[in-house]
Amino acid sequence: MKKNYFITLIVIVGVLLIVNIFFLLNNRGCTCVPNVDPKTENIDSNCYVSKKLDLDEEQSAKYDIIKKKHQAIALRAIDSLHVSQEILMDYLASNSDDTKVEELENKITEFQKILLRQHIEQYQDLKEILKPSQVEPMNKLFKGLFVCKPSCEHTSEGCATNHK
């Protein structure tokens, strides 16, 4: 009785494993259907830009190359930025050496510059492969991704960067 039970259990687990692998492999391709997380309203899709800008096949291939190039550099800068910020906060908690703090601030600023440069270069590279009718939607898309929306319906009049 126990032998039949274990054989049946192994067969069921094996079938479920095969079905899961099958679905995993079939769902790997990008379907270009944006999935919106209702809690954060973030769009989780590798094809978001391609779909939003209605890129043709050739443009999509070129954009994929552009994205990979800039992502590789940006990811290193993001990781370095986070590590430097963590080191700065740890250092501030235990020391007060102004030269070391300034050194860490400069590193953080440099990584932020790298990220800004990557954003600008990616924008320019993408703009080069677009048709004129796609430029305005791209401008809106990049503005939405790059410019943080003010919280609580505040306008630019209340921003710290507004020097009147």
N, C-alpha and C. Protein backbone atom coordinates (compact mmCIF):
# COMPACT_ATOMS: atom_id res chain seq x y z
N MET A 1 0.82 -1.19 0.00
CA MET A 1 0.00 0.00 0.00
C MET A 1 0.87 1.26 0.00
N LYS A 2 1.90 1.27 0.90
CA LYS A 2 2.77 2.43 0.97
C LYS A 2 3.56 2.61 -0.33
N LYS A 3 3.95 1.49 -0.95
CA LYS A 3 4.72 1.55 -2.18
C LYS A 3 3.89 2.20 -3.28
N ASN A 4 2.64 1.81 -3.43
CA ASN A 4 1.76 2.40 -4.45
C ASN A 4 1.53 3.88 -4.18
N TYR A 5 1.37 4.22 -2.92
CA TYR A 5 1.15 5.61 -2.52
C TYR A 5 2.35 6.47 -2.94
N PHE A 6 3.57 6.02 -2.66
CA PHE A 6 4.77 6.77 -3.00
C PHE A 6 4.98 6.85 -4.51
N ILE A 7 4.69 5.79 -5.21
CA ILE A 7 4.82 5.81 -6.67
C ILE A 7 3.84 6.82 -7.26
N THR A 8 2.60 6.81 -6.79
CA THR A 8 1.59 7.75 -7.26
C THR A 8 2.01 9.18 -6.94
N LEU A 9 2.50 9.40 -5.75
CA LEU A 9 2.95 10.73 -5.34
C LEU A 9 4.11 11.22 -6.21
N ILE A 10 5.06 10.35 -6.50
CA ILE A 10 6.20 10.71 -7.34
C ILE A 10 5.74 11.04 -8.75
N VAL A 11 4.81 10.28 -9.29
CA VAL A 11 4.28 10.54 -10.64
C VAL A 11 3.58 11.90 -10.68
N ILE A 12 2.76 12.19 -9.67
CA ILE A 12 2.05 13.47 -9.63
C ILE A 12 3.03 14.64 -9.53
N VAL A 13 4.01 14.52 -8.65
CA VAL A 13 5.01 15.58 -8.51
C VAL A 13 5.79 15.75 -9.81
N GLY A 14 6.14 14.66 -10.47
CA GLY A 14 6.85 14.71 -11.74
C GLY A 14 6.04 15.42 -12.81
N VAL A 15 4.75 15.09 -12.91
CA VAL A 15 3.88 15.72 -13.90
C VAL A 15 3.76 17.22 -13.61
N LEU A 16 3.57 17.58 -12.35
CA LEU A 16 3.47 19.00 -12.00
C LEU A 16 4.76 19.75 -12.32
N LEU A 17 5.88 19.12 -12.08
CA LEU A 17 7.17 19.73 -12.39
C LEU A 17 7.31 19.96 -13.89
N ILE A 18 6.95 18.98 -14.68
CA ILE A 18 7.03 19.10 -16.14
C ILE A 18 6.10 20.20 -16.63
N VAL A 19 4.89 20.26 -16.09
CA VAL A 19 3.93 21.30 -16.49
C VAL A 19 4.48 22.68 -16.13
N ASN A 20 5.06 22.83 -14.95
CA ASN A 20 5.63 24.12 -14.55
C ASN A 20 6.78 24.53 -15.47
N ILE A 21 7.64 23.61 -15.80
CA ILE A 21 8.76 23.90 -16.70
C ILE A 21 8.23 24.30 -18.07
N PHE A 22 7.21 23.59 -18.56
CA PHE A 22 6.61 23.90 -19.85
C PHE A 22 6.07 25.33 -19.86
N PHE A 23 5.31 25.71 -18.82
CA PHE A 23 4.75 27.06 -18.76
C PHE A 23 5.84 28.11 -18.60
N LEU A 24 6.86 27.81 -17.85
CA LEU A 24 7.96 28.74 -17.67
C LEU A 24 8.65 29.03 -19.00
N LEU A 25 8.93 27.99 -19.77
CA LEU A 25 9.60 28.17 -21.05
C LEU A 25 8.72 28.87 -22.06
N ASN A 26 7.43 28.61 -22.05
CA ASN A 26 6.52 29.25 -22.99
C ASN A 26 6.25 30.71 -22.66
N ASN A 27 6.41 31.11 -21.43
CA ASN A 27 6.12 32.48 -21.04
C ASN A 27 7.36 33.35 -20.94
N ARG A 28 8.48 32.86 -21.42
CA ARG A 28 9.71 33.65 -21.36
C ARG A 28 9.72 34.79 -22.36
N GLY A 29 9.11 34.60 -23.52
CA GLY A 29 9.11 35.64 -24.54
C GLY A 29 8.32 36.84 -24.09
N CYS A 30 8.69 38.00 -24.60
CA CYS A 30 7.99 39.22 -24.24
C CYS A 30 6.72 39.34 -25.06
N THR A 31 5.62 39.51 -24.41
CA THR A 31 4.35 39.61 -25.11
C THR A 31 3.95 41.06 -25.33
N CYS A 32 4.72 41.98 -24.81
CA CYS A 32 4.45 43.41 -24.95
C CYS A 32 3.11 43.82 -24.36
N VAL A 33 2.63 43.08 -23.40
CA VAL A 33 1.43 43.47 -22.68
C VAL A 33 1.87 43.99 -21.32
N PRO A 34 1.74 45.30 -21.11
CA PRO A 34 2.20 45.82 -19.83
C PRO A 34 1.34 45.31 -18.68
N ASN A 35 1.99 44.85 -17.63
CA ASN A 35 1.31 44.40 -16.43
C ASN A 35 1.43 45.50 -15.39
N VAL A 36 0.32 46.06 -14.99
CA VAL A 36 0.34 47.16 -14.04
C VAL A 36 0.05 46.63 -12.65
N ASP A 37 0.96 46.92 -11.72
CA ASP A 37 0.76 46.57 -10.32
C ASP A 37 -0.19 47.62 -9.74
N PRO A 38 -1.41 47.23 -9.35
CA PRO A 38 -2.39 48.22 -8.89
C PRO A 38 -1.97 48.97 -7.63
N LYS A 39 -1.10 48.38 -6.83
CA LYS A 39 -0.67 49.05 -5.60
C LYS A 39 0.29 50.20 -5.90
N THR A 40 1.21 49.98 -6.82
CA THR A 40 2.22 50.99 -7.10
C THR A 40 2.03 51.66 -8.45
N GLU A 41 1.17 51.11 -9.27
CA GLU A 41 0.93 51.58 -10.63
C GLU A 41 2.19 51.54 -11.48
N ASN A 42 3.15 50.69 -11.10
CA ASN A 42 4.35 50.50 -11.90
C ASN A 42 4.05 49.55 -13.03
N ILE A 43 4.62 49.82 -14.16
CA ILE A 43 4.43 48.96 -15.31
C ILE A 43 5.61 48.03 -15.40
N ASP A 44 5.32 46.72 -15.41
CA ASP A 44 6.36 45.71 -15.42
C ASP A 44 6.35 45.03 -16.78
N SER A 45 7.12 45.56 -17.71
CA SER A 45 7.19 44.95 -19.02
C SER A 45 8.48 45.37 -19.69
N ASN A 46 9.16 44.40 -20.26
CA ASN A 46 10.38 44.71 -21.00
C ASN A 46 10.07 45.43 -22.30
N CYS A 47 8.83 45.37 -22.73
CA CYS A 47 8.45 45.95 -24.01
C CYS A 47 7.72 47.27 -23.86
N TYR A 48 7.74 47.86 -22.69
CA TYR A 48 6.96 49.07 -22.44
C TYR A 48 7.30 50.18 -23.41
N VAL A 49 8.57 50.49 -23.57
CA VAL A 49 8.97 51.57 -24.47
C VAL A 49 8.63 51.22 -25.91
N SER A 50 8.91 49.99 -26.32
CA SER A 50 8.61 49.57 -27.69
C SER A 50 7.13 49.71 -28.00
N LYS A 51 6.29 49.31 -27.07
CA LYS A 51 4.84 49.39 -27.28
C LYS A 51 4.37 50.84 -27.22
N LYS A 52 4.86 51.59 -26.25
CA LYS A 52 4.43 52.98 -26.06
C LYS A 52 4.78 53.83 -27.28
N LEU A 53 5.94 53.57 -27.88
CA LEU A 53 6.38 54.36 -29.02
C LEU A 53 6.04 53.71 -30.36
N ASP A 54 5.41 52.55 -30.31
CA ASP A 54 5.01 51.81 -31.51
C ASP A 54 6.22 51.59 -32.43
N LEU A 55 7.28 51.02 -31.86
CA LEU A 55 8.50 50.75 -32.63
C LEU A 55 8.27 49.58 -33.56
N ASP A 56 8.82 49.70 -34.78
CA ASP A 56 8.75 48.56 -35.69
C ASP A 56 9.83 47.55 -35.29
N GLU A 57 9.90 46.45 -36.02
CA GLU A 57 10.82 45.37 -35.64
C GLU A 57 12.28 45.81 -35.64
N GLU A 58 12.67 46.56 -36.67
CA GLU A 58 14.06 47.04 -36.76
C GLU A 58 14.38 48.02 -35.63
N GLN A 59 13.44 48.93 -35.36
CA GLN A 59 13.64 49.89 -34.27
C GLN A 59 13.72 49.18 -32.92
N SER A 60 12.88 48.16 -32.73
CA SER A 60 12.90 47.41 -31.48
C SER A 60 14.24 46.73 -31.26
N ALA A 61 14.80 46.17 -32.33
CA ALA A 61 16.10 45.52 -32.22
C ALA A 61 17.19 46.54 -31.86
N LYS A 62 17.14 47.70 -32.52
CA LYS A 62 18.12 48.75 -32.22
C LYS A 62 17.93 49.27 -30.79
N TYR A 63 16.67 49.43 -30.38
CA TYR A 63 16.41 49.91 -29.01
C TYR A 63 16.92 48.91 -27.98
N ASP A 64 16.76 47.63 -28.26
CA ASP A 64 17.24 46.61 -27.33
C ASP A 64 18.75 46.73 -27.12
N ILE A 65 19.48 47.00 -28.19
CA ILE A 65 20.94 47.20 -28.09
C ILE A 65 21.24 48.46 -27.28
N ILE A 66 20.52 49.54 -27.56
CA ILE A 66 20.71 50.80 -26.83
C ILE A 66 20.44 50.59 -25.34
N LYS A 67 19.33 49.93 -25.05
CA LYS A 67 18.93 49.72 -23.65
C LYS A 67 19.97 48.88 -22.91
N LYS A 68 20.44 47.80 -23.53
CA LYS A 68 21.43 46.94 -22.88
C LYS A 68 22.73 47.69 -22.62
N LYS A 69 23.15 48.48 -23.59
CA LYS A 69 24.39 49.25 -23.44
C LYS A 69 24.29 50.20 -22.24
N HIS A 70 23.22 50.94 -22.17
CA HIS A 70 23.07 51.93 -21.10
C HIS A 70 22.74 51.29 -19.76
N GLN A 71 22.00 50.20 -19.78
CA GLN A 71 21.67 49.51 -18.52
C GLN A 71 22.92 48.97 -17.85
N ALA A 72 23.83 48.43 -18.64
CA ALA A 72 25.05 47.85 -18.06
C ALA A 72 25.83 48.91 -17.28
N ILE A 73 25.96 50.09 -17.87
CA ILE A 73 26.69 51.17 -17.21
C ILE A 73 25.89 51.71 -16.03
N ALA A 74 24.59 51.90 -16.24
CA ALA A 74 23.75 52.47 -15.18
C ALA A 74 23.66 51.55 -13.97
N LEU A 75 23.57 50.26 -14.19
CA LEU A 75 23.46 49.33 -13.06
C LEU A 75 24.71 49.37 -12.18
N ARG A 76 25.88 49.46 -12.82
CA ARG A 76 27.11 49.57 -12.03
C ARG A 76 27.11 50.87 -11.22
N ALA A 77 26.67 51.96 -11.86
CA ALA A 77 26.64 53.25 -11.17
C ALA A 77 25.63 53.23 -10.03
N ILE A 78 24.47 52.61 -10.25
CA ILE A 78 23.44 52.53 -9.21
C ILE A 78 23.96 51.74 -8.01
N ASP A 79 24.58 50.60 -8.29
CA ASP A 79 25.13 49.80 -7.20
C ASP A 79 26.19 50.58 -6.42
N SER A 80 27.08 51.23 -7.15
CA SER A 80 28.14 52.02 -6.50
C SER A 80 27.55 53.18 -5.71
N LEU A 81 26.51 53.80 -6.26
CA LEU A 81 25.85 54.91 -5.57
C LEU A 81 25.25 54.44 -4.25
N HIS A 82 24.55 53.34 -4.29
CA HIS A 82 23.93 52.81 -3.07
C HIS A 82 24.97 52.43 -2.02
N VAL A 83 26.04 51.79 -2.46
CA VAL A 83 27.10 51.40 -1.53
C VAL A 83 27.74 52.65 -0.92
N SER A 84 28.02 53.64 -1.75
CA SER A 84 28.64 54.88 -1.25
C SER A 84 27.72 55.61 -0.27
N GLN A 85 26.43 55.62 -0.56
CA GLN A 85 25.48 56.26 0.35
C GLN A 85 25.42 55.52 1.69
N GLU A 86 25.47 54.22 1.62
CA GLU A 86 25.46 53.43 2.85
C GLU A 86 26.73 53.68 3.67
N ILE A 87 27.87 53.71 2.98
CA ILE A 87 29.13 53.98 3.67
C ILE A 87 29.09 55.37 4.31
N LEU A 88 28.57 56.35 3.58
CA LEU A 88 28.47 57.70 4.11
C LEU A 88 27.61 57.74 5.37
N MET A 89 26.46 57.08 5.33
CA MET A 89 25.58 57.09 6.50
C MET A 89 26.23 56.38 7.68
N ASP A 90 26.90 55.27 7.42
CA ASP A 90 27.61 54.57 8.50
C ASP A 90 28.72 55.44 9.07
N TYR A 91 29.43 56.12 8.18
CA TYR A 91 30.53 56.97 8.61
C TYR A 91 30.02 58.14 9.44
N LEU A 92 28.93 58.76 8.98
CA LEU A 92 28.35 59.89 9.72
C LEU A 92 27.91 59.48 11.12
N ALA A 93 27.46 58.26 11.26
CA ALA A 93 26.99 57.78 12.56
C ALA A 93 28.13 57.58 13.55
N SER A 94 29.34 57.35 13.03
CA SER A 94 30.44 57.03 13.95
C SER A 94 31.60 58.02 13.92
N ASN A 95 31.67 58.89 12.93
CA ASN A 95 32.80 59.82 12.80
C ASN A 95 32.31 61.21 12.42
N SER A 96 33.23 62.14 12.48
CA SER A 96 32.89 63.50 12.06
C SER A 96 34.01 64.15 11.26
N ASP A 97 34.83 63.34 10.60
CA ASP A 97 35.93 63.84 9.79
C ASP A 97 35.35 64.47 8.51
N ASP A 98 35.40 65.79 8.43
CA ASP A 98 34.80 66.50 7.31
C ASP A 98 35.45 66.17 5.97
N THR A 99 36.75 65.89 5.96
CA THR A 99 37.40 65.57 4.68
C THR A 99 36.91 64.24 4.14
N LYS A 100 36.71 63.26 5.00
CA LYS A 100 36.20 61.96 4.56
C LYS A 100 34.74 62.09 4.10
N VAL A 101 33.96 62.88 4.80
CA VAL A 101 32.56 63.12 4.41
C VAL A 101 32.52 63.79 3.04
N GLU A 102 33.37 64.78 2.84
CA GLU A 102 33.42 65.47 1.55
C GLU A 102 33.85 64.52 0.43
N GLU A 103 34.80 63.66 0.73
CA GLU A 103 35.26 62.66 -0.25
C GLU A 103 34.11 61.73 -0.65
N LEU A 104 33.35 61.28 0.32
CA LEU A 104 32.20 60.41 0.03
C LEU A 104 31.11 61.16 -0.72
N GLU A 105 30.89 62.42 -0.37
CA GLU A 105 29.91 63.24 -1.10
C GLU A 105 30.31 63.37 -2.56
N ASN A 106 31.59 63.58 -2.81
CA ASN A 106 32.08 63.71 -4.18
C ASN A 106 31.88 62.41 -4.97
N LYS A 107 32.12 61.27 -4.33
CA LYS A 107 31.89 59.98 -4.99
C LYS A 107 30.41 59.83 -5.35
N ILE A 108 29.55 60.17 -4.41
CA ILE A 108 28.10 60.05 -4.64
C ILE A 108 27.68 60.96 -5.78
N THR A 109 28.19 62.19 -5.79
CA THR A 109 27.86 63.14 -6.85
C THR A 109 28.34 62.61 -8.21
N GLU A 110 29.51 62.00 -8.24
CA GLU A 110 30.04 61.46 -9.49
C GLU A 110 29.14 60.34 -10.02
N PHE A 111 28.67 59.46 -9.15
CA PHE A 111 27.78 58.39 -9.60
C PHE A 111 26.44 58.95 -10.09
N GLN A 112 25.97 60.01 -9.45
CA GLN A 112 24.73 60.65 -9.91
C GLN A 112 24.93 61.28 -11.29
N LYS A 113 26.11 61.85 -11.52
CA LYS A 113 26.43 62.42 -12.84
C LYS A 113 26.45 61.33 -13.90
N ILE A 114 27.01 60.19 -13.56
CA ILE A 114 27.05 59.06 -14.51
C ILE A 114 25.63 58.65 -14.88
N LEU A 115 24.75 58.56 -13.90
CA LEU A 115 23.36 58.18 -14.17
C LEU A 115 22.65 59.22 -15.03
N LEU A 116 22.87 60.48 -14.74
CA LEU A 116 22.27 61.54 -15.55
C LEU A 116 22.79 61.48 -16.98
N ARG A 117 24.09 61.29 -17.12
CA ARG A 117 24.70 61.19 -18.45
C ARG A 117 24.12 60.00 -19.22
N GLN A 118 23.92 58.87 -18.54
CA GLN A 118 23.34 57.69 -19.20
C GLN A 118 21.92 57.97 -19.67
N HIS A 119 21.16 58.67 -18.85
CA HIS A 119 19.78 59.00 -19.23
C HIS A 119 19.77 59.87 -20.48
N ILE A 120 20.62 60.89 -20.49
CA ILE A 120 20.68 61.81 -21.63
C ILE A 120 21.16 61.08 -22.88
N GLU A 121 22.20 60.27 -22.76
CA GLU A 121 22.73 59.54 -23.91
C GLU A 121 21.72 58.53 -24.44
N GLN A 122 21.01 57.85 -23.54
CA GLN A 122 19.99 56.90 -23.99
C GLN A 122 18.88 57.63 -24.73
N TYR A 123 18.47 58.77 -24.23
CA TYR A 123 17.46 59.59 -24.89
C TYR A 123 17.93 59.95 -26.30
N GLN A 124 19.17 60.45 -26.41
CA GLN A 124 19.70 60.86 -27.71
C GLN A 124 19.84 59.67 -28.67
N ASP A 125 20.32 58.54 -28.16
CA ASP A 125 20.46 57.34 -29.00
C ASP A 125 19.10 56.86 -29.50
N LEU A 126 18.11 56.87 -28.63
CA LEU A 126 16.77 56.43 -29.02
C LEU A 126 16.17 57.40 -30.03
N LYS A 127 16.37 58.68 -29.82
CA LYS A 127 15.82 59.70 -30.72
C LYS A 127 16.35 59.51 -32.14
N GLU A 128 17.60 59.06 -32.27
CA GLU A 128 18.20 58.85 -33.59
C GLU A 128 17.52 57.76 -34.39
N ILE A 129 16.91 56.78 -33.74
CA ILE A 129 16.30 55.66 -34.47
C ILE A 129 14.80 55.86 -34.69
N LEU A 130 14.25 56.95 -34.19
CA LEU A 130 12.81 57.17 -34.29
C LEU A 130 12.41 57.91 -35.55
N LYS A 131 11.17 57.68 -35.96
CA LYS A 131 10.55 58.46 -37.02
C LYS A 131 10.10 59.78 -36.39
N PRO A 132 9.96 60.83 -37.18
CA PRO A 132 9.54 62.12 -36.61
C PRO A 132 8.24 62.05 -35.80
N SER A 133 7.32 61.21 -36.21
CA SER A 133 6.04 61.10 -35.50
C SER A 133 6.18 60.43 -34.13
N GLN A 134 7.30 59.77 -33.89
CA GLN A 134 7.51 59.07 -32.62
C GLN A 134 8.27 59.91 -31.59
N VAL A 135 8.81 61.05 -32.02
CA VAL A 135 9.64 61.86 -31.13
C VAL A 135 8.82 62.47 -29.99
N GLU A 136 7.66 63.04 -30.31
CA GLU A 136 6.85 63.68 -29.26
C GLU A 136 6.39 62.68 -28.20
N PRO A 137 5.88 61.49 -28.60
CA PRO A 137 5.54 60.50 -27.57
C PRO A 137 6.75 60.09 -26.73
N MET A 138 7.94 60.01 -27.38
CA MET A 138 9.14 59.67 -26.62
C MET A 138 9.48 60.78 -25.63
N ASN A 139 9.32 62.04 -26.04
CA ASN A 139 9.58 63.15 -25.13
C ASN A 139 8.69 63.06 -23.89
N LYS A 140 7.42 62.77 -24.11
CA LYS A 140 6.48 62.63 -22.98
C LYS A 140 6.86 61.44 -22.10
N LEU A 141 7.24 60.34 -22.73
CA LEU A 141 7.61 59.14 -21.98
C LEU A 141 8.84 59.40 -21.12
N PHE A 142 9.88 59.97 -21.72
CA PHE A 142 11.11 60.23 -20.96
C PHE A 142 10.89 61.27 -19.88
N LYS A 143 10.06 62.26 -20.17
CA LYS A 143 9.77 63.27 -19.15
C LYS A 143 9.06 62.61 -17.97
N GLY A 144 8.13 61.72 -18.25
CA GLY A 144 7.43 61.02 -17.18
C GLY A 144 8.34 60.11 -16.38
N LEU A 145 9.32 59.49 -17.05
CA LEU A 145 10.24 58.59 -16.36
C LEU A 145 11.34 59.36 -15.62
N PHE A 146 11.75 60.48 -16.17
CA PHE A 146 12.90 61.20 -15.64
C PHE A 146 12.53 62.24 -14.59
N VAL A 147 11.46 62.95 -14.83
CA VAL A 147 11.07 64.04 -13.94
C VAL A 147 10.16 63.49 -12.86
N CYS A 148 10.58 63.61 -11.62
CA CYS A 148 9.75 63.16 -10.51
C CYS A 148 8.56 64.08 -10.38
N LYS A 149 7.42 63.49 -10.22
CA LYS A 149 6.22 64.30 -10.03
C LYS A 149 6.20 64.84 -8.60
N PRO A 150 5.90 66.12 -8.44
CA PRO A 150 5.83 66.67 -7.09
C PRO A 150 4.75 65.98 -6.28
N SER A 151 5.02 65.80 -5.01
CA SER A 151 4.04 65.15 -4.15
C SER A 151 2.98 66.15 -3.69
N CYS A 152 1.86 65.64 -3.28
CA CYS A 152 0.78 66.45 -2.69
C CYS A 152 0.34 67.60 -3.59
N GLU A 153 0.37 67.39 -4.88
CA GLU A 153 -0.08 68.40 -5.84
C GLU A 153 0.70 69.71 -5.75
N HIS A 154 1.93 69.67 -5.26
CA HIS A 154 2.75 70.87 -5.21
C HIS A 154 3.23 71.21 -6.61
N THR A 155 3.50 72.46 -6.83
CA THR A 155 4.01 72.89 -8.12
C THR A 155 5.49 73.23 -7.99
N SER A 156 6.10 73.62 -9.09
CA SER A 156 7.52 73.94 -9.06
C SER A 156 7.81 75.17 -8.20
N GLU A 157 6.78 75.95 -7.86
CA GLU A 157 6.99 77.13 -7.03
C GLU A 157 7.51 76.77 -5.64
N GLY A 158 7.19 75.56 -5.17
CA GLY A 158 7.62 75.16 -3.84
C GLY A 158 8.89 74.34 -3.83
N CYS A 159 9.51 74.15 -4.99
CA CYS A 159 10.71 73.31 -5.08
C CYS A 159 11.92 74.03 -4.50
N ALA A 160 12.81 73.25 -3.95
CA ALA A 160 14.04 73.80 -3.37
C ALA A 160 14.97 74.33 -4.44
N THR A 161 14.80 73.87 -5.68
CA THR A 161 15.69 74.30 -6.76
C THR A 161 15.20 75.58 -7.42
N ASN A 162 14.06 76.08 -7.01
CA ASN A 162 13.51 77.28 -7.62
C ASN A 162 14.09 78.50 -6.91
N HIS A 163 15.05 79.14 -7.54
CA HIS A 163 15.75 80.27 -6.93
C HIS A 163 15.17 81.57 -7.47
N LYS A 164 14.14 82.10 -6.81
CA LYS A 164 13.54 83.36 -7.27
C LYS A 164 14.11 84.51 -6.49
